[in-house]
Amino acid sequence: MAIQEIELERGIEMPTVRVVYSYPYEEMDVGDSFTVPVSARQKVLNANYRAAKRLGCGFTAKTEGEFIRVWRTR
């Protein structure tokens, strides 16, 4: 079994990361909110976590009957 030589390349630009949110996180100001059906609970909670980390802000969610309301907190 021959060892394959790996060639090092420099100066190659990385592709830009494309982030598409299903929810309007980037347009929200502190105190703004939106609702989603309660069936999307886990999806929106995961998205809140990722968006908060990426955008450097905070989100909280509360169940209101058949919907979950998400607020931007900071």
Foldseek 3Di string as FASTA:
>chain_A
DDDDDDDDDPDDDDDDDDDDAPDDLVPDDAFDKDKDFVVCVVVVVVSQVVSCVVVVWHKDWDDDPRIIMIGTHD
